[in-house]
PDB file of N, CA and C in Angstrom:
ATOM      1  N   UNK A   1      -4.614  22.907   7.112  1.00  0.00           N
ATOM      2  CA  UNK A   1      -5.754  23.014   5.911  1.00  0.00           C
ATOM      3  C   UNK A   1      -6.960  23.922   6.772  1.00  0.00           C
ATOM      4  N   UNK A   2      -6.820  24.893   6.918  1.00  0.00           N
ATOM      5  CA  UNK A   2      -8.033  25.961   7.329  1.00  0.00           C
ATOM      6  C   UNK A   2      -7.406  26.112   8.836  1.00  0.00           C
ATOM      7  N   UNK A   3      -6.016  26.140   8.824  1.00  0.00           N
ATOM      8  CA  UNK A   3      -5.725  26.718  10.317  1.00  0.00           C
ATOM      9  C   UNK A   3      -5.328  27.869  10.560  1.00  0.00           C
ATOM     10  N   UNK A   4      -5.439  28.460  11.724  1.00  0.00           N
ATOM     11  CA  UNK A   4      -4.614  29.972  11.819  1.00  0.00           C
ATOM     12  C   UNK A   4      -3.889  29.806  13.291  1.00  0.00           C
ATOM     13  N   UNK A   5      -2.701  29.235  12.893  1.00  0.00           N
ATOM     14  CA  UNK A   5      -2.030  28.845  14.422  1.00  0.00           C
ATOM     15  C   UNK A   5      -0.880  30.338  14.143  1.00  0.00           C
ATOM     16  N   UNK A   6      -1.127  31.023  15.497  1.00  0.00           N
ATOM     17  CA  UNK A   6       0.042  31.959  15.685  1.00  0.00           C
ATOM     18  C   UNK A   6       1.155  31.618  16.406  1.00  0.00           C
ATOM     19  N   UNK A   7       2.289  32.178  16.067  1.00  0.00           N
ATOM     20  CA  UNK A   7       4.179  32.109  16.497  1.00  0.00           C
ATOM     21  C   UNK A   7       4.364  30.678  16.336  1.00  0.00           C
ATOM     22  N   UNK A   8       3.850  30.123  15.360  1.00  0.00           N
ATOM     23  CA  UNK A   8       4.956  28.717  15.197  1.00  0.00           C
ATOM     24  C   UNK A   8       6.389  28.535  14.741  1.00  0.00           C
ATOM     25  N   UNK A   9       7.001  27.790  15.429  1.00  0.00           N
ATOM     26  CA  UNK A   9       8.219  27.742  14.429  1.00  0.00           C
ATOM     27  C   UNK A   9       8.716  26.293  14.401  1.00  0.00           C
ATOM     28  N   UNK A  10       9.401  25.621  13.302  1.00  0.00           N
ATOM     29  CA  UNK A  10      10.047  24.438  13.036  1.00  0.00           C
ATOM     30  C   UNK A  10      11.337  24.787  12.759  1.00  0.00           C
ATOM     31  N   UNK A  11      12.089  23.163  12.995  1.00  0.00           N
ATOM     32  CA  UNK A  11      13.166  23.532  12.756  1.00  0.00           C
ATOM     33  C   UNK A  11      13.307  22.873  11.035  1.00  0.00           C
ATOM     34  N   UNK A  12      13.882  23.725  10.323  1.00  0.00           N
ATOM     35  CA  UNK A  12      13.954  22.906   8.774  1.00  0.00           C
ATOM     36  C   UNK A  12      14.363  21.200   9.006  1.00  0.00           C
ATOM     37  N   UNK A  13      14.090  20.481   7.940  1.00  0.00           N
ATOM     38  CA  UNK A  13      14.652  18.959   8.287  1.00  0.00           C
ATOM     39  C   UNK A  13      16.165  18.883   7.602  1.00  0.00           C
ATOM     40  N   UNK A  14      16.551  19.960   6.863  1.00  0.00           N
ATOM     41  CA  UNK A  14      17.693  20.173   6.574  1.00  0.00           C
ATOM     42  C   UNK A  14      18.607  20.643   7.454  1.00  0.00           C
ATOM     43  N   UNK A  15      18.071  20.945   8.665  1.00  0.00           N
ATOM     44  CA  UNK A  15      18.812  21.522   9.888  1.00  0.00           C
ATOM     45  C   UNK A  15      19.018  20.095  11.124  1.00  0.00           C
ATOM     46  N   UNK A  16      18.304  19.445  10.836  1.00  0.00           N
ATOM     47  CA  UNK A  16      18.335  18.470  11.795  1.00  0.00           C
ATOM     48  C   UNK A  16      18.872  17.307  11.058  1.00  0.00           C
ATOM     49  N   UNK A  17      19.012  17.172  10.020  1.00  0.00           N
ATOM     50  CA  UNK A  17      20.169  16.132   9.277  1.00  0.00           C
ATOM     51  C   UNK A  17      21.322  16.635   9.313  1.00  0.00           C
ATOM     52  N   UNK A  18      21.503  17.938   9.583  1.00  0.00           N
ATOM     53  CA  UNK A  18      22.887  18.357   9.960  1.00  0.00           C
ATOM     54  C   UNK A  18      23.618  18.127  11.303  1.00  0.00           C
ATOM     55  N   UNK A  19      22.261  18.236  12.178  1.00  0.00           N
ATOM     56  CA  UNK A  19      22.422  18.012  13.594  1.00  0.00           C
ATOM     57  C   UNK A  19      22.518  16.244  14.088  1.00  0.00           C
ATOM     58  N   UNK A  20      22.023  15.571  13.234  1.00  0.00           N
ATOM     59  CA  UNK A  20      22.358  14.002  13.314  1.00  0.00           C
ATOM     60  C   UNK A  20      23.658  13.885  12.686  1.00  0.00           C
ATOM     61  N   UNK A  21      24.481  14.657  12.132  1.00  0.00           N
ATOM     62  CA  UNK A  21      25.645  14.280  12.004  1.00  0.00           C
ATOM     63  C   UNK A  21      26.625  14.560  12.955  1.00  0.00           C
ATOM     64  N   UNK A  22      26.431  15.739  13.707  1.00  0.00           N
ATOM     65  CA  UNK A  22      26.833  15.641  15.175  1.00  0.00           C
ATOM     66  C   UNK A  22      26.452  14.933  16.324  1.00  0.00           C
ATOM     67  N   UNK A  23      25.633  14.140  16.517  1.00  0.00           N
ATOM     68  CA  UNK A  23      25.451  12.915  17.144  1.00  0.00           C
ATOM     69  C   UNK A  23      23.965  13.638  18.215  1.00  0.00           C
ATOM     70  N   UNK A  24      23.063  14.050  17.516  1.00  0.00           N
ATOM     71  CA  UNK A  24      22.155  14.442  17.972  1.00  0.00           C
ATOM     72  C   UNK A  24      21.247  12.945  17.809  1.00  0.00           C
ATOM     73  N   UNK A  25      20.545  12.867  18.696  1.00  0.00           N
ATOM     74  CA  UNK A  25      19.711  11.088  18.634  1.00  0.00           C
ATOM     75  C   UNK A  25      18.092  11.150  18.854  1.00  0.00           C
ATOM     76  N   UNK A  26      17.801  12.529  19.601  1.00  0.00           N
ATOM     77  CA  UNK A  26      16.327  12.468  20.365  1.00  0.00           C
ATOM     78  C   UNK A  26      15.861  13.748  19.374  1.00  0.00           C
ATOM     79  N   UNK A  27      14.992  13.477  18.308  1.00  0.00           N
ATOM     80  CA  UNK A  27      14.185  14.316  17.682  1.00  0.00           C
ATOM     81  C   UNK A  27      12.747  14.145  17.661  1.00  0.00           C
ATOM     82  N   UNK A  28      11.856  15.159  18.172  1.00  0.00           N
ATOM     83  CA  UNK A  28      10.987  15.318  18.348  1.00  0.00           C
ATOM     84  C   UNK A  28      10.251  15.533  16.826  1.00  0.00           C
ATOM     85  N   UNK A  29       8.891  14.666  16.392  1.00  0.00           N
ATOM     86  CA  UNK A  29       8.392  15.090  15.530  1.00  0.00           C
ATOM     87  C   UNK A  29       6.443  15.419  15.609  1.00  0.00           C
ATOM     88  N   UNK A  30       6.474  15.035  16.803  1.00  0.00           N
ATOM     89  CA  UNK A  30       4.969  15.388  17.241  1.00  0.00           C
ATOM     90  C   UNK A  30       4.382  15.994  16.906  1.00  0.00           C
ATOM     91  N   UNK A  31       4.847  17.706  16.549  1.00  0.00           N
ATOM     92  CA  UNK A  31       3.810  18.333  16.049  1.00  0.00           C
ATOM     93  C   UNK A  31       3.847  18.695  14.815  1.00  0.00           C
ATOM     94  N   UNK A  32       4.804  17.992  14.419  1.00  0.00           N
ATOM     95  CA  UNK A  32       4.645  17.673  12.591  1.00  0.00           C
ATOM     96  C   UNK A  32       3.521  16.511  12.435  1.00  0.00           C
ATOM     97  N   UNK A  33       3.251  16.085  13.075  1.00  0.00           N
ATOM     98  CA  UNK A  33       2.195  14.545  13.313  1.00  0.00           C
ATOM     99  C   UNK A  33       0.943  15.329  13.429  1.00  0.00           C
ATOM    100  N   UNK A  34       0.700  16.068  14.570  1.00  0.00           N
ATOM    101  CA  UNK A  34      -0.685  16.676  15.152  1.00  0.00           C
ATOM    102  C   UNK A  34      -0.996  17.811  13.848  1.00  0.00           C
ATOM    103  N   UNK A  35       0.118  18.702  13.476  1.00  0.00           N
ATOM    104  CA  UNK A  35      -0.376  19.144  12.270  1.00  0.00           C
ATOM    105  C   UNK A  35      -0.801  18.682  11.334  1.00  0.00           C
ATOM    106  N   UNK A  36      -0.554  17.179  10.853  1.00  0.00           N
ATOM    107  CA  UNK A  36      -0.936  16.757   9.405  1.00  0.00           C
ATOM    108  C   UNK A  36      -2.228  15.922   9.978  1.00  0.00           C
ATOM    109  N   UNK A  37      -2.496  15.428  11.149  1.00  0.00           N
ATOM    110  CA  UNK A  37      -3.495  14.600  11.365  1.00  0.00           C
ATOM    111  C   UNK A  37      -4.578  16.063  11.672  1.00  0.00           C
ATOM    112  N   UNK A  38      -4.205  16.936  12.273  1.00  0.00           N
ATOM    113  CA  UNK A  38      -5.623  18.245  12.509  1.00  0.00           C
ATOM    114  C   UNK A  38      -5.618  18.576  10.878  1.00  0.00           C
ATOM    115  N   UNK A  39      -4.711  18.775  10.171  1.00  0.00           N
ATOM    116  CA  UNK A  39      -5.185  19.385   8.402  1.00  0.00           C
ATOM    117  C   UNK A  39      -5.836  18.134   8.057  1.00  0.00           C
ATOM    118  N   UNK A  40      -5.978  16.870   7.973  1.00  0.00           N
ATOM    119  CA  UNK A  40      -6.335  16.058   7.250  1.00  0.00           C
ATOM    120  C   UNK A  40      -7.825  15.688   8.029  1.00  0.00           C
ATOM    121  N   UNK A  41      -7.698  16.034   9.108  1.00  0.00           N
ATOM    122  CA  UNK A  41      -9.507  16.010   9.873  1.00  0.00           C
ATOM    123  C   UNK A  41     -10.422  17.129   9.140  1.00  0.00           C
ATOM    124  N   UNK A  42      -9.365  18.478   9.415  1.00  0.00           N
ATOM    125  CA  UNK A  42     -10.261  19.328   8.837  1.00  0.00           C
ATOM    126  C   UNK A  42     -11.099  19.484   7.314  1.00  0.00           C
ATOM    127  N   UNK A  43      -9.998  18.500   6.360  1.00  0.00           N
ATOM    128  CA  UNK A  43     -10.178  18.363   5.328  1.00  0.00           C
ATOM    129  C   UNK A  43     -11.097  17.756   4.975  1.00  0.00           C
ATOM    130  N   UNK A  44     -11.311  16.477   5.897  1.00  0.00           N
ATOM    131  CA  UNK A  44     -12.096  15.569   5.434  1.00  0.00           C
ATOM    132  C   UNK A  44     -13.809  16.242   6.203  1.00  0.00           C
ATOM    133  N   UNK A  45     -13.628  16.755   7.344  1.00  0.00           N
ATOM    134  CA  UNK A  45     -14.952  17.440   7.432  1.00  0.00           C
ATOM    135  C   UNK A  45     -15.242  18.643   6.565  1.00  0.00           C
ATOM    136  N   UNK A  46     -14.395  19.488   6.388  1.00  0.00           N
ATOM    137  CA  UNK A  46     -14.752  20.249   5.034  1.00  0.00           C
ATOM    138  C   UNK A  46     -15.509  19.891   4.228  1.00  0.00           C
ATOM    139  N   UNK A  47     -15.056  18.581   3.292  1.00  0.00           N
ATOM    140  CA  UNK A  47     -15.618  17.977   2.592  1.00  0.00           C
ATOM    141  C   UNK A  47     -16.426  16.955   2.466  1.00  0.00           C
ATOM    142  N   UNK A  48     -17.176  16.762   3.861  1.00  0.00           N
ATOM    143  CA  UNK A  48     -17.905  15.957   4.109  1.00  0.00           C
ATOM    144  C   UNK A  48     -18.681  16.258   5.142  1.00  0.00           C
ATOM    145  N   UNK A  49     -19.113  17.230   5.134  1.00  0.00           N
ATOM    146  CA  UNK A  49     -20.073  17.836   6.198  1.00  0.00           C
ATOM    147  C   UNK A  49     -21.016  17.290   6.572  1.00  0.00           C
ATOM    148  N   UNK A  50     -21.658  16.210   6.236  1.00  0.00           N
ATOM    149  CA  UNK A  50     -22.831  15.381   6.618  1.00  0.00           C
ATOM    150  C   UNK A  50     -22.001  14.015   7.547  1.00  0.00           C
ATOM    151  N   UNK A  51     -20.549  13.862   7.864  1.00  0.00           N
ATOM    152  CA  UNK A  51     -20.186  12.820   8.460  1.00  0.00           C
ATOM    153  C   UNK A  51     -19.856  13.361   9.722  1.00  0.00           C
ATOM    154  N   UNK A  52     -20.198  12.376  10.728  1.00  0.00           N
ATOM    155  CA  UNK A  52     -19.945  12.459  11.989  1.00  0.00           C
ATOM    156  C   UNK A  52     -19.039  11.419  12.579  1.00  0.00           C
ATOM    157  N   UNK A  53     -18.878  10.659  11.791  1.00  0.00           N
ATOM    158  CA  UNK A  53     -18.555   9.126  12.772  1.00  0.00           C
ATOM    159  C   UNK A  53     -17.038   9.292  12.830  1.00  0.00           C
ATOM    160  N   UNK A  54     -16.263   9.464  14.059  1.00  0.00           N
ATOM    161  CA  UNK A  54     -15.128   9.800  14.035  1.00  0.00           C
ATOM    162  C   UNK A  54     -14.094   8.650  13.740  1.00  0.00           C
ATOM    163  N   UNK A  55     -14.990   7.098  13.222  1.00  0.00           N
ATOM    164  CA  UNK A  55     -14.076   6.228  12.805  1.00  0.00           C
ATOM    165  C   UNK A  55     -13.648   6.920  11.024  1.00  0.00           C
ATOM    166  N   UNK A  56     -14.873   7.546  10.766  1.00  0.00           N
ATOM    167  CA  UNK A  56     -14.249   8.079   9.115  1.00  0.00           C
ATOM    168  C   UNK A  56     -13.558   9.094   8.968  1.00  0.00           C
ATOM    169  N   UNK A  57     -13.449  10.205   9.837  1.00  0.00           N
ATOM    170  CA  UNK A  57     -12.367  11.086   9.740  1.00  0.00           C
ATOM    171  C   UNK A  57     -10.960  10.780  10.551  1.00  0.00           C
ATOM    172  N   UNK A  58     -11.042   9.746  11.282  1.00  0.00           N
ATOM    173  CA  UNK A  58      -9.803   9.413  11.837  1.00  0.00           C
ATOM    174  C   UNK A  58      -8.815   8.809  10.854  1.00  0.00           C
ATOM    175  N   UNK A  59      -9.500   8.015   9.747  1.00  0.00           N
ATOM    176  CA  UNK A  59      -8.654   6.963   8.892  1.00  0.00           C
ATOM    177  C   UNK A  59      -7.747   8.077   8.129  1.00  0.00           C
ATOM    178  N   UNK A  60      -8.174   9.375   7.502  1.00  0.00           N
ATOM    179  CA  UNK A  60      -7.548  10.053   7.038  1.00  0.00           C
ATOM    180  C   UNK A  60      -6.539  10.596   7.888  1.00  0.00           C
ATOM    181  N   UNK A  61      -6.813  10.647   9.002  1.00  0.00           N
ATOM    182  CA  UNK A  61      -5.901  11.246   9.870  1.00  0.00           C
ATOM    183  C   UNK A  61      -4.752  10.299  10.432  1.00  0.00           C
ATOM    184  N   UNK A  62      -4.926   9.186  10.620  1.00  0.00           N
ATOM    185  CA  UNK A  62      -4.038   8.325  10.882  1.00  0.00           C
ATOM    186  C   UNK A  62      -3.077   7.827   9.627  1.00  0.00           C
ATOM    187  N   UNK A  63      -3.441   7.956   8.208  1.00  0.00           N
ATOM    188  CA  UNK A  63      -3.149   8.311   7.376  1.00  0.00           C
ATOM    189  C   UNK A  63      -2.065   9.149   6.943  1.00  0.00           C
ATOM    190  N   UNK A  64      -2.368  10.456   7.460  1.00  0.00           N
ATOM    191  CA  UNK A  64      -1.546  11.837   7.397  1.00  0.00           C
ATOM    192  C   UNK A  64      -0.260  11.717   8.243  1.00  0.00           C
ATOM    193  N   UNK A  65      -0.650  10.867   9.522  1.00  0.00           N
ATOM    194  CA  UNK A  65       0.189  10.733  10.661  1.00  0.00           C
ATOM    195  C   UNK A  65       1.352   9.741   9.958  1.00  0.00           C
ATOM    196  N   UNK A  66       0.850   8.776   9.534  1.00  0.00           N
ATOM    197  CA  UNK A  66       1.858   7.531   8.876  1.00  0.00           C
ATOM    198  C   UNK A  66       2.528   8.238   7.565  1.00  0.00           C
ATOM    199  N   UNK A  67       2.352   9.137   6.964  1.00  0.00           N
ATOM    200  CA  UNK A  67       2.908   9.603   6.158  1.00  0.00           C
ATOM    201  C   UNK A  67       4.159  10.925   6.454  1.00  0.00           C
ATOM    202  N   UNK A  68       3.586  11.309   7.458  1.00  0.00           N
ATOM    203  CA  UNK A  68       5.004  12.500   8.247  1.00  0.00           C
ATOM    204  C   UNK A  68       5.827  11.387   8.701  1.00  0.00           C
ATOM    205  N   UNK A  69       5.291  10.287   9.389  1.00  0.00           N
ATOM    206  CA  UNK A  69       6.686   9.483  10.280  1.00  0.00           C
ATOM    207  C   UNK A  69       7.561   8.680   9.487  1.00  0.00           C
ATOM    208  N   UNK A  70       7.013   8.450   7.819  1.00  0.00           N
ATOM    209  CA  UNK A  70       7.740   7.687   6.992  1.00  0.00           C
ATOM    210  C   UNK A  70       8.722   8.335   6.563  1.00  0.00           C
ATOM    211  N   UNK A  71       8.096   9.736   5.916  1.00  0.00           N
ATOM    212  CA  UNK A  71       9.070  11.042   5.696  1.00  0.00           C
ATOM    213  C   UNK A  71      10.200  11.151   6.637  1.00  0.00           C
ATOM    214  N   UNK A  72       9.936  11.616   7.887  1.00  0.00           N
ATOM    215  CA  UNK A  72      10.789  12.035   8.586  1.00  0.00           C
ATOM    216  C   UNK A  72      11.698  10.762   8.975  1.00  0.00           C
ATOM    217  N   UNK A  73      11.258   9.346   9.346  1.00  0.00           N
ATOM    218  CA  UNK A  73      12.409   8.284   9.434  1.00  0.00           C
ATOM    219  C   UNK A  73      12.968   8.424   8.239  1.00  0.00           C
ATOM    220  N   UNK A  74      12.730   8.082   6.584  1.00  0.00           N
ATOM    221  CA  UNK A  74      13.738   8.280   5.707  1.00  0.00           C
ATOM    222  C   UNK A  74      15.092   9.634   5.517  1.00  0.00           C
ATOM    223  N   UNK A  75      14.409  10.734   5.964  1.00  0.00           N
ATOM    224  CA  UNK A  75      15.108  11.621   5.912  1.00  0.00           C
ATOM    225  C   UNK A  75      15.960  12.170   7.313  1.00  0.00           C
ATOM    226  N   UNK A  76      15.852  11.181   7.974  1.00  0.00           N
ATOM    227  CA  UNK A  76      16.438  11.439   9.514  1.00  0.00           C
ATOM    228  C   UNK A  76      17.792   9.873   9.602  1.00  0.00           C
ATOM    229  N   UNK A  77      17.671   9.259   8.300  1.00  0.00           N
ATOM    230  CA  UNK A  77      18.503   8.038   8.012  1.00  0.00           C
ATOM    231  C   UNK A  77      18.039   6.866   9.193  1.00  0.00           C
ATOM    232  N   UNK A  78      16.821   6.626   9.413  1.00  0.00           N
ATOM    233  CA  UNK A  78      16.422   5.667  10.361  1.00  0.00           C
ATOM    234  C   UNK A  78      16.180   4.323   9.184  1.00  0.00           C
ATOM    235  N   UNK A  79      16.048   4.245   7.874  1.00  0.00           N
ATOM    236  CA  UNK A  79      15.908   2.968   7.421  1.00  0.00           C
ATOM    237  C   UNK A  79      16.716   1.918   7.731  1.00  0.00           C
ATOM    238  N   UNK A  80      16.352   0.789   7.432  1.00  0.00           N
ATOM    239  CA  UNK A  80      17.301  -0.242   7.816  1.00  0.00           C
ATOM    240  C   UNK A  80      18.251  -0.494   9.065  1.00  0.00           C
ATOM    241  N   UNK A  81      17.452   0.477  10.214  1.00  0.00           N
ATOM    242  CA  UNK A  81      18.303   0.335  11.546  1.00  0.00           C
ATOM    243  C   UNK A  81      17.553  -0.484  12.514  1.00  0.00           C
ATOM    244  N   UNK A  82      16.465  -1.186  12.240  1.00  0.00           N
ATOM    245  CA  UNK A  82      15.390  -1.885  13.072  1.00  0.00           C
ATOM    246  C   UNK A  82      16.347  -3.058  13.603  1.00  0.00           C
ATOM    247  N   UNK A  83      17.123  -3.986  12.575  1.00  0.00           N
ATOM    248  CA  UNK A  83      17.604  -5.308  13.116  1.00  0.00           C
ATOM    249  C   UNK A  83      19.019  -4.837  14.094  1.00  0.00           C
ATOM    250  N   UNK A  84      19.105  -3.743  14.625  1.00  0.00           N
ATOM    251  CA  UNK A  84      20.285  -3.232  15.441  1.00  0.00           C
ATOM    252  C   UNK A  84      19.491  -3.265  17.006  1.00  0.00           C
ATOM    253  N   UNK A  85      18.281  -3.065  17.053  1.00  0.00           N
ATOM    254  CA  UNK A  85      17.327  -2.883  18.003  1.00  0.00           C
ATOM    255  C   UNK A  85      17.068  -3.901  18.620  1.00  0.00           C
ATOM    256  N   UNK A  86      17.897  -3.981  19.841  1.00  0.00           N
ATOM    257  CA  UNK A  86      17.946  -5.680  20.278  1.00  0.00           C
ATOM    258  C   UNK A  86      16.430  -5.325  21.670  1.00  0.00           C
ATOM    259  N   UNK A  87      15.545  -7.028  21.490  1.00  0.00           N
ATOM    260  CA  UNK A  87      14.052  -6.625  22.181  1.00  0.00           C
ATOM    261  C   UNK A  87      14.782  -7.366  23.405  1.00  0.00           C
ATOM    262  N   UNK A  88      13.683  -7.142  24.516  1.00  0.00           N
ATOM    263  CA  UNK A  88      14.103  -7.429  25.769  1.00  0.00           C
ATOM    264  C   UNK A  88      12.587  -8.191  26.151  1.00  0.00           C
ATOM    265  N   UNK A  89      12.322  -9.434  27.256  1.00  0.00           N
ATOM    266  CA  UNK A  89      11.005  -9.776  27.129  1.00  0.00           C
ATOM    267  C   UNK A  89      10.529  -9.065  28.169  1.00  0.00           C
ATOM    268  N   UNK A  90       9.608  -9.277  28.492  1.00  0.00           N
ATOM    269  CA  UNK A  90       8.623  -8.607  29.264  1.00  0.00           C
ATOM    270  C   UNK A  90       9.294  -9.151  30.831  1.00  0.00           C
ATOM    271  N   UNK A  91       9.646 -10.512  31.103  1.00  0.00           N
ATOM    272  CA  UNK A  91       9.966 -10.979  32.347  1.00  0.00           C
ATOM    273  C   UNK A  91      11.216 -10.359  32.377  1.00  0.00           C
ATOM    274  N   UNK A  92      12.171 -10.279  31.500  1.00  0.00           N
ATOM    275  CA  UNK A  92      13.202  -9.602  31.827  1.00  0.00           C
ATOM    276  C   UNK A  92      13.156  -8.110  32.192  1.00  0.00           C
ATOM    277  N   UNK A  93      12.693  -7.220  31.966  1.00  0.00           N
ATOM    278  CA  UNK A  93      11.999  -6.041  31.959  1.00  0.00           C
ATOM    279  C   UNK A  93      11.684  -6.246  33.943  1.00  0.00           C
ATOM    280  N   UNK A  94      10.569  -6.738  33.976  1.00  0.00           N
ATOM    281  CA  UNK A  94      10.203  -7.159  35.471  1.00  0.00           C
ATOM    282  C   UNK A  94      11.108  -7.331  36.139  1.00  0.00           C
ATOM    283  N   UNK A  95      12.061  -8.021  35.855  1.00  0.00           N
ATOM    284  CA  UNK A  95      12.746  -8.722  36.674  1.00  0.00           C
ATOM    285  C   UNK A  95      14.076  -7.484  37.195  1.00  0.00           C
ATOM    286  N   UNK A  96      14.328  -6.721  35.745  1.00  0.00           N
ATOM    287  CA  UNK A  96      15.103  -5.274  36.145  1.00  0.00           C
ATOM    288  C   UNK A  96      14.387  -4.476  37.024  1.00  0.00           C
ATOM    289  N   UNK A  97      13.036  -3.957  37.142  1.00  0.00           N
ATOM    290  CA  UNK A  97      12.857  -3.482  37.577  1.00  0.00           C
ATOM    291  C   UNK A  97      12.654  -3.842  39.511  1.00  0.00           C
ATOM    292  N   UNK A  98      12.219  -4.981  39.319  1.00  0.00           N
ATOM    293  CA  UNK A  98      12.418  -5.474  40.813  1.00  0.00           C
ATOM    294  C   UNK A  98      13.661  -5.540  41.529  1.00  0.00           C
ATOM    295  N   UNK A  99      14.724  -5.633  40.535  1.00  0.00           N
ATOM    296  CA  UNK A  99      15.956  -5.595  41.204  1.00  0.00           C
ATOM    297  C   UNK A  99      16.587  -4.078  41.450  1.00  0.00           C
ATOM    298  N   UNK A 100      15.629  -3.294  41.085  1.00  0.00           N
ATOM    299  CA  UNK A 100      16.125  -1.734  41.113  1.00  0.00           C
ATOM    300  C   UNK A 100      17.214  -1.419  40.011  1.00  0.00           C
ATOM    301  N   UNK A 101      17.324  -2.200  39.117  1.00  0.00           N
ATOM    302  CA  UNK A 101      18.303  -1.754  37.902  1.00  0.00           C
ATOM    303  C   UNK A 101      17.542  -0.604  36.951  1.00  0.00           C
ATOM    304  N   UNK A 102      16.443  -0.251  37.031  1.00  0.00           N
ATOM    305  CA  UNK A 102      16.185   0.616  36.129  1.00  0.00           C
ATOM    306  C   UNK A 102      14.982   1.866  36.961  1.00  0.00           C
ATOM    307  N   UNK A 103      15.942   1.715  38.103  1.00  0.00           N
ATOM    308  CA  UNK A 103      14.965   2.578  39.075  1.00  0.00           C
ATOM    309  C   UNK A 103      15.578   4.222  38.750  1.00  0.00           C
ATOM    310  N   UNK A 104      14.696   4.905  38.716  1.00  0.00           N
ATOM    311  CA  UNK A 104      15.485   6.551  38.173  1.00  0.00           C
ATOM    312  C   UNK A 104      16.098   7.002  39.221  1.00  0.00           C
ATOM    313  N   UNK A 105      16.937   7.828  38.803  1.00  0.00           N
ATOM    314  CA  UNK A 105      17.999   8.029  40.020  1.00  0.00           C
ATOM    315  C   UNK A 105      18.516   9.694  39.671  1.00  0.00           C
ATOM    316  N   UNK A 106      17.964  10.856  40.243  1.00  0.00           N
ATOM    317  CA  UNK A 106      18.606  12.348  40.337  1.00  0.00           C
ATOM    318  C   UNK A 106      19.568  12.618  41.097  1.00  0.00           C
ATOM    319  N   UNK A 107      20.754  13.103  40.155  1.00  0.00           N
ATOM    320  CA  UNK A 107      22.070  13.387  41.141  1.00  0.00           C
ATOM    321  C   UNK A 107      21.754  15.037  41.169  1.00  0.00           C
TER     322      UNK A 107
END
């Protein structure tokens, strides 16, 4: 909404969906989220020039981010995958760090 970005490129959702079929699992959607949030803020401020409280213009920004996330998660086939994620307690993770099991190793 009202932005003038130069030299921006994105990967079409259809191409990402195809890549997922071949095993791609790490997909960044941060730029999409930031664009949606920025557009929502610009729109809100343009339509409400008397408003200056960040709590007011952050509401539509958060909603825009939420909508992008929902759309991408559905488009990328993430729906219903939550139960497959195994949680770990803070104590377990702390023990793993203390034992060195989670140490970063550069080969």
